[in-house]
Amino acid sequence: MAAPPIIGRHPILLLAAREVSAGRHALWQLHELDGLILAGGGDWAGAAAALEQANQQDPRVLLTLSRALAGSGHAEAAHAACRRVVEFNQLNLNYGLVRPAALAMCGS
């Protein structure tokens, strides 16, 4: 399996790629890490693009995606992603950590 193109942008992702096994979950993790790095650097559009390829069943990813979309000027898409967090209906330990932030961000 060829390495995804995001790996060349950040040296830390080269190390992460060696640590995770090949497969869908590994790619989700790499995209999530890429999105977090880009968001930390203020590249909101790049962060949103990376996070859209990460695990969409993780409310933490969805909340970070919402913030990235808001930062890149896509308010309507940011609100929709935030609503997905608030209305999340699966068993996931991250949900309890991000729901209060999502409620504060997009209202109840």
C-alpha atoms as a PDB file:
ATOM      1  CA  MET A   1       0.000   0.000   0.000  1.00  0.00           C
ATOM      2  CA  ALA A   2       1.472   3.335  -1.043  1.00  0.00           C
ATOM      3  CA  ALA A   3       1.902   6.072   1.549  1.00  0.00           C
ATOM      4  CA  PRO A   4      -0.744   8.804   1.337  1.00  0.00           C
ATOM      5  CA  PRO A   5       0.506  12.151  -0.048  1.00  0.00           C
ATOM      6  CA  ILE A   6      -0.011  13.940   3.277  1.00  0.00           C
ATOM      7  CA  ILE A   7       3.010  12.209   4.778  1.00  0.00           C
ATOM      8  CA  GLY A   8       5.501  14.315   2.833  1.00  0.00           C
ATOM      9  CA  ARG A   9       4.246  17.539   4.422  1.00  0.00           C
ATOM     10  CA  HIS A  10       5.192  16.757   8.000  1.00  0.00           C
ATOM     11  CA  PRO A  11       8.231  14.748   9.152  1.00  0.00           C
ATOM     12  CA  ILE A  12       6.313  13.549  12.227  1.00  0.00           C
ATOM     13  CA  LEU A  13       3.858  11.789   9.941  1.00  0.00           C
ATOM     14  CA  LEU A  14       6.700   9.693   8.547  1.00  0.00           C
ATOM     15  CA  LEU A  15       7.265   8.368  12.044  1.00  0.00           C
ATOM     16  CA  ALA A  16       3.544   7.887  12.618  1.00  0.00           C
ATOM     17  CA  ALA A  17       3.187   6.011   9.333  1.00  0.00           C
ATOM     18  CA  ARG A  18       5.814   3.520  10.492  1.00  0.00           C
ATOM     19  CA  GLU A  19       3.993   2.948  13.769  1.00  0.00           C
ATOM     20  CA  VAL A  20       0.487   2.293  12.485  1.00  0.00           C
ATOM     21  CA  SER A  21      -0.537  -0.703  10.468  1.00  0.00           C
ATOM     22  CA  ALA A  22      -1.792  -0.283   6.926  1.00  0.00           C
ATOM     23  CA  GLY A  23      -5.527   0.019   6.528  1.00  0.00           C
ATOM     24  CA  ARG A  24      -8.467   2.362   6.780  1.00  0.00           C
ATOM     25  CA  HIS A  25      -8.040   3.163  10.466  1.00  0.00           C
ATOM     26  CA  ALA A  26      -4.387   3.992  10.004  1.00  0.00           C
ATOM     27  CA  LEU A  27      -5.219   6.384   7.184  1.00  0.00           C
ATOM     28  CA  TRP A  28      -7.923   8.005   9.315  1.00  0.00           C
ATOM     29  CA  GLN A  29      -5.379   8.549  12.064  1.00  0.00           C
ATOM     30  CA  LEU A  30      -2.865  10.067   9.659  1.00  0.00           C
ATOM     31  CA  HIS A  31      -5.479  12.443   8.243  1.00  0.00           C
ATOM     32  CA  GLU A  32      -6.574  13.385  11.752  1.00  0.00           C
ATOM     33  CA  LEU A  33      -2.996  14.090  12.813  1.00  0.00           C
ATOM     34  CA  ASP A  34      -2.401  16.094   9.639  1.00  0.00           C
ATOM     35  CA  GLY A  35      -5.548  18.123  10.294  1.00  0.00           C
ATOM     36  CA  LEU A  36      -4.536  18.836  13.879  1.00  0.00           C
ATOM     37  CA  ILE A  37      -1.068  19.972  12.810  1.00  0.00           C
ATOM     38  CA  LEU A  38      -2.482  22.223  10.096  1.00  0.00           C
ATOM     39  CA  ALA A  39      -5.097  23.681  12.463  1.00  0.00           C
ATOM     40  CA  GLY A  40      -2.395  24.380  15.030  1.00  0.00           C
ATOM     41  CA  GLY A  41      -0.486  26.281  12.366  1.00  0.00           C
ATOM     42  CA  GLY A  42      -3.537  28.303  11.354  1.00  0.00           C
ATOM     43  CA  ASP A  43      -4.077  26.624   7.965  1.00  0.00           C
ATOM     44  CA  TRP A  44      -7.809  26.179   8.444  1.00  0.00           C
ATOM     45  CA  ALA A  45      -8.603  25.229   4.836  1.00  0.00           C
ATOM     46  CA  GLY A  46      -5.901  22.554   4.825  1.00  0.00           C
ATOM     47  CA  ALA A  47      -7.042  21.313   8.222  1.00  0.00           C
ATOM     48  CA  ALA A  48     -10.643  21.034   7.029  1.00  0.00           C
ATOM     49  CA  ALA A  49      -9.575  19.112   3.923  1.00  0.00           C
ATOM     50  CA  ALA A  50      -7.526  16.669   6.005  1.00  0.00           C
ATOM     51  CA  LEU A  51     -10.168  16.224   8.704  1.00  0.00           C
ATOM     52  CA  GLU A  52     -12.867  15.516   6.112  1.00  0.00           C
ATOM     53  CA  GLN A  53     -10.839  12.387   5.268  1.00  0.00           C
ATOM     54  CA  ALA A  54     -10.461  11.350   8.922  1.00  0.00           C
ATOM     55  CA  ASN A  55     -12.889   9.173  10.892  1.00  0.00           C
ATOM     56  CA  GLN A  56     -16.303  10.804  10.620  1.00  0.00           C
ATOM     57  CA  GLN A  57     -17.603   8.559  13.398  1.00  0.00           C
ATOM     58  CA  ASP A  58     -15.383  10.244  15.994  1.00  0.00           C
ATOM     59  CA  PRO A  59     -17.094  13.266  17.571  1.00  0.00           C
ATOM     60  CA  ARG A  60     -13.712  14.766  18.463  1.00  0.00           C
ATOM     61  CA  VAL A  61     -12.773  14.794  14.768  1.00  0.00           C
ATOM     62  CA  LEU A  62     -16.140  16.320  13.880  1.00  0.00           C
ATOM     63  CA  LEU A  63     -15.732  19.120  16.420  1.00  0.00           C
ATOM     64  CA  THR A  64     -12.231  19.913  15.183  1.00  0.00           C
ATOM     65  CA  LEU A  65     -13.574  19.833  11.624  1.00  0.00           C
ATOM     66  CA  SER A  66     -16.265  22.302  12.656  1.00  0.00           C
ATOM     67  CA  ARG A  67     -13.654  24.654  14.073  1.00  0.00           C
ATOM     68  CA  ALA A  68     -11.518  24.326  10.932  1.00  0.00           C
ATOM     69  CA  LEU A  69     -14.485  25.056   8.681  1.00  0.00           C
ATOM     70  CA  ALA A  70     -15.379  28.100  10.764  1.00  0.00           C
ATOM     71  CA  GLY A  71     -11.788  29.316  10.596  1.00  0.00           C
ATOM     72  CA  SER A  72     -11.740  28.948   6.823  1.00  0.00           C
ATOM     73  CA  GLY A  73     -14.924  31.002   6.436  1.00  0.00           C
ATOM     74  CA  HIS A  74     -17.457  28.221   5.830  1.00  0.00           C
ATOM     75  CA  ALA A  75     -19.893  29.100   8.610  1.00  0.00           C
ATOM     76  CA  GLU A  76     -22.820  27.042   7.327  1.00  0.00           C
ATOM     77  CA  ALA A  77     -20.724  23.875   6.921  1.00  0.00           C
ATOM     78  CA  ALA A  78     -19.145  24.518  10.337  1.00  0.00           C
ATOM     79  CA  HIS A  79     -22.573  24.744  11.940  1.00  0.00           C
ATOM     80  CA  ALA A  80     -23.664  21.513  10.223  1.00  0.00           C
ATOM     81  CA  ALA A  81     -20.560  19.679  11.493  1.00  0.00           C
ATOM     82  CA  CYS A  82     -21.164  21.064  14.966  1.00  0.00           C
ATOM     83  CA  ARG A  83     -24.790  19.878  14.892  1.00  0.00           C
ATOM     84  CA  ARG A  84     -23.515  16.400  13.975  1.00  0.00           C
ATOM     85  CA  VAL A  85     -21.532  16.419  17.215  1.00  0.00           C
ATOM     86  CA  VAL A  86     -24.469  17.614  19.306  1.00  0.00           C
ATOM     87  CA  GLU A  87     -26.803  15.027  17.748  1.00  0.00           C
ATOM     88  CA  PHE A  88     -24.218  12.229  17.844  1.00  0.00           C
ATOM     89  CA  ASN A  89     -25.903   8.949  18.803  1.00  0.00           C
ATOM     90  CA  GLN A  90     -23.274   6.241  19.183  1.00  0.00           C
ATOM     91  CA  LEU A  91     -21.270   4.799  22.020  1.00  0.00           C
ATOM     92  CA  ASN A  92     -18.000   6.707  21.988  1.00  0.00           C
ATOM     93  CA  LEU A  93     -15.954   7.829  24.976  1.00  0.00           C
ATOM     94  CA  ASN A  94     -14.868  11.022  23.207  1.00  0.00           C
ATOM     95  CA  TYR A  95     -18.480  12.178  23.011  1.00  0.00           C
ATOM     96  CA  GLY A  96     -18.655  13.120  26.682  1.00  0.00           C
ATOM     97  CA  LEU A  97     -15.508  15.196  26.285  1.00  0.00           C
ATOM     98  CA  VAL A  98     -16.610  17.210  23.249  1.00  0.00           C
ATOM     99  CA  ARG A  99     -20.388  17.594  23.637  1.00  0.00           C
ATOM    100  CA  PRO A 100     -20.192  20.551  26.085  1.00  0.00           C
ATOM    101  CA  ALA A 101     -17.860  22.387  23.701  1.00  0.00           C
ATOM    102  CA  ALA A 102     -20.140  21.616  20.758  1.00  0.00           C
ATOM    103  CA  LEU A 103     -23.191  22.872  22.660  1.00  0.00           C
ATOM    104  CA  ALA A 104     -21.369  26.094  23.512  1.00  0.00           C
ATOM    105  CA  MET A 105     -20.179  26.482  19.933  1.00  0.00           C
ATOM    106  CA  CYS A 106     -23.431  25.949  18.060  1.00  0.00           C
ATOM    107  CA  GLY A 107     -26.113  26.245  20.705  1.00  0.00           C
ATOM    108  CA  SER A 108     -28.401  23.607  22.141  1.00  0.00           C
END
